[in-house]
Amino acid sequence: MCLNHFSILYSAHSPNTAIEHEAAHWLRQALATRFGWELTVSTEIQAPSPKILLGAASGLTPALNEYAIRVGEGSDLSLCAGSTAAYDDLITDLVEALEKGEEITSLSKVCRDPSMGKRHGDLRILFHNIFGYDRKPTINPQRRYAFESILYREYDADILCLQEYDGGPRKYLGPLLTEHGFTEVPADQMGFPKNCSPIFYNDARVKLLDHGFYPFVYKSEVCEMVCNNHDTKNLTWAAFEDIRTQKRFLVISVHFYYSPDASSDMTNRVESNKARMENAREMFAFLQDVIYKKNGGEFAGLPLLWGGDLNCGYSNKKFPSLIESAGGKIALDVLEEDFGMKHVQKHAALFADSIGAYCGYPTYDEALGYYPTCGRLDNKTFDSSIDHAYVYGKGVTPLTFDIIDTTFAKKTSDHAPIVVDYRLE
């Protein structure tokens, strides 16, 4: 089947117009790259025929975890996906079939994402460093925030643990999260200027019992850059009760210090490593001395489900300067060896991705209003991952650790979202 003379039509009035616009240009780009076909993209119903009718314009209504293709009696081709993850499979499978010269037939197919449309436990938490800022060539953060809010809804998260949720996200992403049924934990910032690591929750799924906030205070005496840079590094905690099971648990969203010069093995990396180990110790001390002692010890026996961007990977242990200065010990060792935290990616009972979630920045095409490139995860390893999730205490089993590596997910941030499903016991 040759689509060289087709045009791509999507609806300007669909509830999912932003997604369908992105998918239309993504499809156009894929066909141009693979076959040299230069298709036009339009929202005009009078667009030249034959047409690829995409999304709502197709009249197809696949389930959230499916995509559908319909070959009409005329010359038009209808394509629709029920979610951003399903668009990944739809476009990939269509281009592959065209490359192989296979006949395009009407069909409905379940997408390959194991977390889309299927929950694996009692509770689902999504962890994501949202890239709450802007830099060229990654511009138009409002568009990225819109995609993020759609992803969080599609993956049916009960709780969101976000990082880099600064001024822009509060202005643009916050209302979208409210619209999609998420409420921010109202943490008292104790005079600290901002909370960039908030928790959001679906109050139809979980009941908020208590909450709090802690900003990291460690400062290096050797490297002044190693501090709470721009007041962005903190944790937010919350105690919840699962409405269905009435099981109670604690959640922490956190962001550890970063390396001012992460590209070289220098003194400031040594100091940043020390800072992250201190972050781990500060967090554990806060858990023991504040959270567990609140309300006469009401939360002391609850399991802790936590995670975020720790700016630290197992591969850091190999740096000569860290071997010399700390015997190769890093914050992850402090958490696991000193405090007994269980790393979800190592202990997920059903499945866990074996890669890292840091993918790099997407790029934005101002003229066409979409992201022609996104980051990569196919070259990432578990050892290099700086995004982590842990459990601590009894009463919870982590079941999955799923790094959402779809094209749309990688267009939202330099970090891919992580979905974790838990069984509460």
Protein backbone atom coordinates (compact mmCIF):
# COMPACT_ATOMS: atom_id res chain seq x y z
CA MET A 1 0.00 0.00 0.00
CA CYS A 2 1.43 3.37 -0.98
CA LEU A 3 0.29 6.41 1.02
CA ASN A 4 2.31 8.91 -0.97
CA HIS A 5 -0.76 10.80 -2.26
CA PHE A 6 -2.69 10.76 1.04
CA SER A 7 -3.24 13.69 3.37
CA ILE A 8 -3.54 13.34 7.16
CA LEU A 9 -6.70 14.72 8.74
CA TYR A 10 -7.34 15.15 12.47
CA SER A 11 -10.10 17.01 14.28
CA ALA A 12 -9.54 20.49 15.71
CA HIS A 13 -12.51 19.93 18.03
CA SER A 14 -11.58 16.60 19.61
CA PRO A 15 -11.08 16.44 23.40
CA ASN A 16 -7.69 14.95 22.52
CA THR A 17 -6.72 17.50 19.85
CA ALA A 18 -3.25 18.11 21.33
CA ILE A 19 -2.45 14.39 21.29
CA GLU A 20 -3.91 13.88 17.81
CA HIS A 21 -2.02 16.89 16.45
CA GLU A 22 1.22 15.45 17.81
CA ALA A 23 0.41 11.98 16.46
CA ALA A 24 -0.47 13.37 13.02
CA HIS A 25 2.87 15.15 12.67
CA TRP A 26 4.70 12.19 14.16
CA LEU A 27 3.10 9.91 11.55
CA ARG A 28 3.93 12.40 8.79
CA GLN A 29 7.53 12.50 9.96
CA ALA A 30 7.79 8.70 10.15
CA LEU A 31 6.46 8.25 6.62
CA ALA A 32 8.76 10.96 5.26
CA THR A 33 11.80 9.45 6.98
CA ARG A 34 11.14 5.85 5.95
CA PHE A 35 9.66 6.32 2.47
CA GLY A 36 10.24 9.91 1.40
CA TRP A 37 6.49 10.58 1.30
CA GLU A 38 5.70 14.22 2.07
CA LEU A 39 2.11 14.13 3.32
CA THR A 40 0.18 17.23 4.36
CA VAL A 41 -1.46 17.54 7.79
CA SER A 42 -4.77 19.33 8.09
CA THR A 43 -7.87 19.83 10.23
CA GLU A 44 -9.94 20.89 7.23
CA ILE A 45 -12.65 18.40 6.34
CA GLN A 46 -12.16 19.34 2.70
CA ALA A 47 -8.52 18.25 2.79
CA PRO A 48 -7.42 16.49 -0.40
CA SER A 49 -8.42 12.83 -0.78
CA PRO A 50 -7.45 10.14 -0.22
CA LYS A 51 -7.12 10.78 3.51
CA ILE A 52 -5.69 9.17 6.61
CA LEU A 53 -8.43 9.95 9.14
CA LEU A 54 -6.71 10.10 12.52
CA GLY A 55 -8.13 10.05 16.03
CA ALA A 56 -11.64 11.44 16.47
CA ALA A 57 -11.82 12.13 12.72
CA SER A 58 -11.70 8.37 12.12
CA GLY A 59 -14.96 7.62 13.94
CA LEU A 60 -13.21 4.73 15.71
CA THR A 61 -13.39 4.34 19.50
CA PRO A 62 -10.80 1.79 20.67
CA ALA A 63 -10.34 0.98 24.34
CA LEU A 64 -7.66 2.78 26.33
CA ASN A 65 -5.11 0.02 25.74
CA GLU A 66 -5.99 -0.63 22.08
CA TYR A 67 -5.57 0.84 18.65
CA ALA A 68 -7.80 0.31 15.64
CA ILE A 69 -7.37 0.45 11.87
CA ARG A 70 -10.22 0.52 9.39
CA VAL A 71 -9.81 0.25 5.65
CA GLY A 72 -12.89 1.96 4.23
CA GLU A 73 -14.90 1.04 1.18
CA GLY A 74 -13.54 4.18 -0.43
CA SER A 75 -9.89 5.12 -0.51
CA ASP A 76 -9.59 6.58 3.00
CA LEU A 77 -7.68 4.89 5.83
CA SER A 78 -8.91 5.35 9.41
CA LEU A 79 -6.52 5.15 12.38
CA CYS A 80 -7.20 5.69 16.07
CA ALA A 81 -5.54 4.84 19.39
CA GLY A 82 -7.17 4.86 22.80
CA SER A 83 -4.11 6.26 24.57
CA THR A 84 -0.68 7.77 24.03
CA ALA A 85 0.88 4.33 24.57
CA ALA A 86 -1.38 2.80 21.93
CA TYR A 87 -0.35 5.50 19.42
CA ASP A 88 3.21 4.27 19.84
CA ASP A 89 2.21 0.78 18.72
CA LEU A 90 -0.16 2.02 16.01
CA ILE A 91 2.45 4.13 14.23
CA THR A 92 5.26 1.61 14.75
CA ASP A 93 3.18 -1.32 13.49
CA LEU A 94 1.77 0.60 10.52
CA VAL A 95 5.19 1.76 9.30
CA GLU A 96 6.63 -1.74 9.80
CA ALA A 97 3.79 -3.30 7.78
CA LEU A 98 4.35 -0.78 4.98
CA GLU A 99 8.08 -1.53 4.96
CA LYS A 100 7.38 -5.23 4.62
CA GLY A 101 4.83 -4.65 1.85
CA GLU A 102 2.08 -6.26 3.94
CA GLU A 103 -1.56 -5.63 3.19
CA ILE A 104 -3.13 -3.11 5.57
CA THR A 105 -6.34 -4.62 6.93
CA SER A 106 -9.02 -3.53 9.39
CA LEU A 107 -8.13 -4.66 12.88
CA SER A 108 -8.15 -3.88 16.59
CA LYS A 109 -5.07 -4.65 18.65
CA VAL A 110 -4.04 -4.42 22.33
CA CYS A 111 -0.94 -2.28 22.87
CA ARG A 112 2.22 -3.74 24.36
CA ASP A 113 2.51 -1.47 27.41
CA PRO A 114 1.95 -3.75 30.45
CA SER A 115 0.67 -0.91 32.68
CA MET A 116 -1.75 0.71 30.25
CA GLY A 117 -5.31 -0.32 31.03
CA LYS A 118 -4.19 -2.91 33.57
CA ARG A 119 -3.42 -2.52 37.27
CA HIS A 120 -1.39 -5.18 39.06
CA GLY A 121 -2.15 -4.51 42.72
CA ASP A 122 -4.07 -2.45 45.26
CA LEU A 123 -2.26 0.83 44.73
CA ARG A 124 -0.50 2.64 41.89
CA ILE A 125 2.05 5.44 42.39
CA LEU A 126 3.63 7.35 39.53
CA PHE A 127 7.04 8.98 40.09
CA HIS A 128 8.22 11.66 37.66
CA ASN A 129 10.78 14.44 37.42
CA ILE A 130 8.65 16.62 35.15
CA PHE A 131 11.40 19.01 33.93
CA GLY A 132 9.61 22.01 35.37
CA TYR A 133 11.68 24.56 33.50
CA ASP A 134 12.52 25.55 29.94
CA ARG A 135 15.58 25.67 27.76
CA LYS A 136 16.19 25.71 24.04
CA PRO A 137 15.62 23.69 21.98
CA THR A 138 13.09 22.22 24.40
CA ILE A 139 10.53 25.00 24.49
CA ASN A 140 6.77 25.32 25.00
CA PRO A 141 6.68 23.76 28.47
CA GLN A 142 2.91 24.29 28.67
CA ARG A 143 2.52 21.70 25.92
CA ARG A 144 4.70 19.26 27.82
CA TYR A 145 2.67 19.83 30.98
CA ALA A 146 -0.54 19.12 29.06
CA PHE A 147 0.93 15.82 27.87
CA GLU A 148 2.00 14.97 31.43
CA SER A 149 -1.49 15.53 32.81
CA ILE A 150 -2.92 13.25 30.11
CA LEU A 151 -0.34 10.54 30.84
CA TYR A 152 -1.08 10.58 34.57
CA ARG A 153 -4.79 10.18 33.86
CA GLU A 154 -4.27 7.43 31.28
CA TYR A 155 -2.08 5.39 33.62
CA ASP A 156 -4.75 5.62 36.31
CA ALA A 157 -2.39 6.71 39.08
CA ASP A 158 -3.73 6.89 42.62
CA ILE A 159 -0.80 9.03 43.79
CA LEU A 160 1.73 11.22 41.97
CA CYS A 161 5.19 11.95 43.38
CA LEU A 162 6.66 14.74 41.27
CA GLN A 163 9.96 16.60 41.20
CA GLU A 164 10.95 19.99 39.68
CA TYR A 165 7.39 21.18 40.27
CA ASP A 166 8.36 24.84 40.40
CA GLY A 167 6.62 28.10 39.44
CA GLY A 168 5.76 27.20 35.84
CA PRO A 169 4.18 23.85 36.71
CA ARG A 170 2.19 25.44 39.54
CA LYS A 171 0.77 27.95 37.09
CA TYR A 172 0.14 25.69 34.10
CA LEU A 173 0.20 22.04 35.20
CA GLY A 174 -1.58 22.48 38.52
CA PRO A 175 -4.99 23.37 37.03
CA LEU A 176 -4.74 20.42 34.63
CA LEU A 177 -4.05 18.01 37.49
CA THR A 178 -7.05 19.40 39.36
CA GLU A 179 -9.16 18.93 36.24
CA HIS A 180 -8.05 15.29 36.07
CA GLY A 181 -9.02 14.63 39.70
CA PHE A 182 -5.72 15.09 41.55
CA THR A 183 -5.37 17.08 44.78
CA GLU A 184 -2.05 18.35 46.08
CA VAL A 185 -1.02 17.39 49.61
CA PRO A 186 -1.10 20.78 51.39
CA ALA A 187 2.31 20.53 53.03
CA ASP A 188 3.33 23.24 55.50
CA GLN A 189 6.64 24.50 54.09
CA MET A 190 7.80 25.87 57.46
CA GLY A 191 8.93 29.16 55.90
CA PHE A 192 10.86 27.45 53.08
CA PRO A 193 10.12 29.35 49.84
CA LYS A 194 8.72 26.52 47.73
CA ASN A 195 7.86 22.84 47.45
CA CYS A 196 9.30 21.34 44.27
CA SER A 197 8.68 17.69 45.28
CA PRO A 198 4.94 17.57 45.93
CA ILE A 199 2.53 14.66 46.29
CA PHE A 200 -0.82 14.60 44.49
CA TYR A 201 -3.56 12.07 45.16
CA ASN A 202 -6.94 10.92 43.90
CA ASP A 203 -9.31 11.43 46.84
CA ALA A 204 -11.74 8.90 45.39
CA ARG A 205 -9.07 6.21 45.90
CA VAL A 206 -7.12 7.25 49.00
CA LYS A 207 -7.87 9.31 52.09
CA LEU A 208 -5.28 11.81 53.32
CA LEU A 209 -4.61 11.35 57.05
CA ASP A 210 -1.63 13.62 57.70
CA HIS A 211 1.22 15.30 55.86
CA GLY A 212 4.44 17.27 56.17
CA PHE A 213 7.48 18.79 54.51
CA TYR A 214 11.24 18.81 55.02
CA PRO A 215 13.88 20.88 53.14
CA PHE A 216 17.40 19.45 53.04
CA VAL A 217 19.87 21.58 54.98
CA TYR A 218 23.30 20.08 54.27
CA LYS A 219 25.91 22.47 52.84
CA SER A 220 29.39 21.49 51.74
CA GLU A 221 32.26 23.27 53.47
CA VAL A 222 34.48 22.58 50.45
CA CYS A 223 32.32 23.41 47.43
CA GLU A 224 29.77 26.21 47.83
CA MET A 225 27.78 24.99 44.83
CA VAL A 226 26.86 21.85 46.78
CA CYS A 227 23.88 23.13 48.68
CA ASN A 228 20.11 23.23 48.34
CA ASN A 229 20.41 24.80 44.90
CA HIS A 230 17.72 27.39 44.25
CA ASP A 231 15.73 25.92 47.17
CA THR A 232 14.55 22.99 45.02
CA LYS A 233 15.60 19.97 47.08
CA ASN A 234 13.17 18.68 49.68
CA LEU A 235 10.77 15.91 50.57
CA THR A 236 7.02 15.89 51.04
CA TRP A 237 5.39 13.14 53.09
CA ALA A 238 1.83 12.00 53.55
CA ALA A 239 -0.05 9.32 55.47
CA PHE A 240 -2.90 7.75 53.50
CA GLU A 241 -5.62 5.18 53.90
CA ASP A 242 -6.68 3.13 50.91
CA ILE A 243 -10.44 3.66 50.73
CA ARG A 244 -11.21 0.20 49.36
CA THR A 245 -9.01 -1.92 51.63
CA GLN A 246 -8.68 0.51 54.58
CA LYS A 247 -4.95 -0.25 54.63
CA ARG A 248 -2.76 2.64 55.80
CA PHE A 249 0.66 3.61 54.48
CA LEU A 250 3.17 6.46 54.18
CA VAL A 251 4.41 8.11 50.97
CA ILE A 252 7.43 10.36 50.36
CA SER A 253 8.28 12.31 47.21
CA VAL A 254 11.89 13.46 47.21
CA HIS A 255 14.65 15.09 45.19
CA PHE A 256 18.29 14.72 46.33
CA TYR A 257 21.16 17.13 45.54
CA TYR A 258 22.71 17.04 42.11
CA SER A 259 26.35 17.25 40.98
CA PRO A 260 27.23 20.76 39.80
CA ASP A 261 29.67 19.19 37.36
CA ALA A 262 28.19 15.78 36.65
CA SER A 263 30.33 15.27 33.54
CA SER A 264 33.70 14.96 35.28
CA ASP A 265 35.19 13.14 38.23
CA MET A 266 36.21 16.15 40.33
CA THR A 267 36.10 17.38 43.92
CA ASN A 268 32.61 18.78 43.55
CA ARG A 269 31.40 15.31 42.58
CA VAL A 270 32.98 14.00 45.79
CA GLU A 271 31.19 16.70 47.77
CA SER A 272 27.90 16.07 45.93
CA ASN A 273 28.19 12.39 46.78
CA LYS A 274 28.64 13.32 50.45
CA ALA A 275 25.62 15.63 50.21
CA ARG A 276 23.39 12.90 48.83
CA MET A 277 24.49 10.51 51.56
CA GLU A 278 23.59 13.24 54.05
CA ASN A 279 20.22 13.67 52.30
CA ALA A 280 19.58 9.97 52.88
CA ARG A 281 20.52 10.32 56.54
CA GLU A 282 18.44 13.49 56.98
CA MET A 283 15.42 11.79 55.43
CA PHE A 284 15.74 8.68 57.60
CA ALA A 285 16.21 10.76 60.74
CA PHE A 286 13.13 12.81 59.86
CA LEU A 287 11.17 9.59 59.34
CA GLN A 288 12.24 8.20 62.72
CA ASP A 289 12.19 11.39 64.80
CA VAL A 290 9.22 13.25 63.32
CA ILE A 291 6.88 11.13 61.20
CA TYR A 292 6.98 8.03 63.40
CA LYS A 293 6.52 10.12 66.57
CA LYS A 294 3.56 12.17 65.36
CA ASN A 295 0.24 11.75 67.15
CA GLY A 296 1.74 9.50 69.79
CA GLY A 297 3.36 7.16 67.27
CA GLU A 298 0.23 6.64 65.16
CA PHE A 299 2.28 6.09 61.96
CA ALA A 300 5.25 4.20 63.40
CA GLY A 301 4.17 0.79 62.11
CA LEU A 302 3.05 1.85 58.64
CA PRO A 303 4.91 0.78 55.50
CA LEU A 304 6.72 3.53 53.61
CA LEU A 305 6.43 3.78 49.81
CA TRP A 306 8.73 6.44 48.45
CA GLY A 307 10.86 7.56 45.55
CA GLY A 308 11.99 10.30 43.24
CA ASP A 309 15.06 11.72 41.55
CA LEU A 310 18.01 10.87 43.78
CA ASN A 311 20.64 12.13 41.29
CA CYS A 312 22.63 9.02 42.09
CA GLY A 313 23.22 5.75 40.26
CA TYR A 314 25.03 2.53 41.08
CA SER A 315 27.56 3.34 38.36
CA ASN A 316 28.79 6.24 40.54
CA LYS A 317 30.45 3.67 42.80
CA LYS A 318 33.11 3.15 40.11
CA PHE A 319 34.41 6.72 40.07
CA PRO A 320 38.03 6.75 41.30
CA SER A 321 37.46 9.86 43.42
CA LEU A 322 34.48 8.24 45.18
CA ILE A 323 36.41 5.04 45.74
CA GLU A 324 39.21 7.10 47.28
CA SER A 325 37.00 9.43 49.31
CA ALA A 326 34.18 7.13 50.39
CA GLY A 327 35.28 3.61 49.54
CA GLY A 328 32.81 3.72 46.66
CA LYS A 329 29.87 4.23 49.01
CA ILE A 330 26.95 6.24 47.70
CA ALA A 331 23.54 7.34 48.95
CA LEU A 332 21.91 4.17 47.60
CA ASP A 333 24.20 2.12 49.85
CA VAL A 334 23.21 4.23 52.84
CA LEU A 335 19.55 3.62 52.11
CA GLU A 336 19.84 -0.10 51.51
CA GLU A 337 22.72 -1.24 53.72
CA ASP A 338 22.47 1.18 56.63
CA PHE A 339 18.69 1.63 56.80
CA GLY A 340 17.27 -1.54 55.23
CA MET A 341 15.31 0.10 52.41
CA LYS A 342 14.24 -2.24 49.58
CA HIS A 343 14.82 -1.02 46.05
CA VAL A 344 11.64 -1.66 44.05
CA GLN A 345 13.50 -2.20 40.78
CA LYS A 346 15.36 -5.08 42.47
CA HIS A 347 12.41 -6.53 44.41
CA ALA A 348 9.32 -6.13 42.19
CA ALA A 349 7.47 -9.44 42.40
CA LEU A 350 5.91 -9.44 38.90
CA PHE A 351 8.19 -7.47 36.60
CA ALA A 352 10.67 -4.59 36.52
CA ASP A 353 12.32 -2.73 33.67
CA SER A 354 16.09 -3.16 33.57
CA ILE A 355 16.91 0.34 32.33
CA GLY A 356 17.12 3.85 33.76
CA ALA A 357 14.48 6.55 33.40
CA TYR A 358 16.70 9.48 32.39
CA CYS A 359 16.21 9.93 28.64
CA GLY A 360 17.42 13.46 27.79
CA TYR A 361 15.51 16.40 26.39
CA PRO A 362 13.03 16.48 23.49
CA THR A 363 13.21 19.18 20.84
CA TYR A 364 10.36 21.38 19.66
CA ASP A 365 9.46 22.55 16.16
CA GLU A 366 7.95 26.02 16.52
CA ALA A 367 6.65 26.17 12.96
CA LEU A 368 4.69 22.90 13.15
CA GLY A 369 4.00 23.04 16.91
CA TYR A 370 5.17 19.55 17.82
CA TYR A 371 8.20 17.65 19.12
CA PRO A 372 10.10 16.03 16.21
CA THR A 373 12.62 14.30 18.48
CA CYS A 374 12.62 12.95 22.01
CA GLY A 375 15.12 11.39 24.36
CA ARG A 376 16.40 7.82 24.25
CA LEU A 377 16.08 5.00 26.73
CA ASP A 378 17.37 2.13 24.60
CA ASN A 379 20.93 3.04 25.59
CA LYS A 380 20.24 3.37 29.34
CA THR A 381 21.17 0.81 31.97
CA PHE A 382 19.96 -0.05 35.44
CA ASP A 383 23.32 0.98 36.91
CA SER A 384 23.05 4.46 35.42
CA SER A 385 19.55 5.17 36.70
CA ILE A 386 19.17 8.20 38.97
CA ASP A 387 15.40 7.79 39.49
CA HIS A 388 14.52 5.27 42.19
CA ALA A 389 11.64 3.88 44.24
CA TYR A 390 11.90 2.11 47.60
CA VAL A 391 9.72 0.43 50.19
CA TYR A 392 10.45 0.25 53.90
CA GLY A 393 8.76 -1.64 56.68
CA LYS A 394 6.19 -4.41 56.70
CA GLY A 395 2.79 -4.53 55.05
CA VAL A 396 3.58 -3.85 51.39
CA THR A 397 4.90 -5.82 48.42
CA PRO A 398 6.06 -3.97 45.29
CA LEU A 399 4.74 -5.80 42.25
CA THR A 400 5.92 -3.80 39.23
CA PHE A 401 8.49 -1.16 38.28
CA ASP A 402 7.54 0.11 34.84
CA ILE A 403 9.49 2.91 33.17
CA ILE A 404 7.06 4.47 30.70
CA ASP A 405 9.22 4.62 27.59
CA THR A 406 6.58 5.62 25.05
CA THR A 407 7.28 8.41 22.58
CA PHE A 408 4.76 10.74 24.24
CA ALA A 409 6.26 10.08 27.67
CA LYS A 410 9.75 10.94 26.42
CA LYS A 411 8.43 14.18 24.96
CA THR A 412 7.27 15.44 28.36
CA SER A 413 10.61 15.67 30.17
CA ASP A 414 14.24 14.58 30.30
CA HIS A 415 13.03 11.86 32.69
CA ALA A 416 10.47 9.21 31.80
CA PRO A 417 7.67 8.55 34.32
CA ILE A 418 7.88 5.45 36.51
CA VAL A 419 4.74 3.51 37.41
CA VAL A 420 4.86 1.23 40.46
CA ASP A 421 2.06 -1.10 41.55
CA TYR A 422 1.90 -2.36 45.15
CA ARG A 423 0.00 -4.95 47.12
CA LEU A 424 -1.02 -3.70 50.56
CA GLU A 425 -0.99 -6.43 53.21
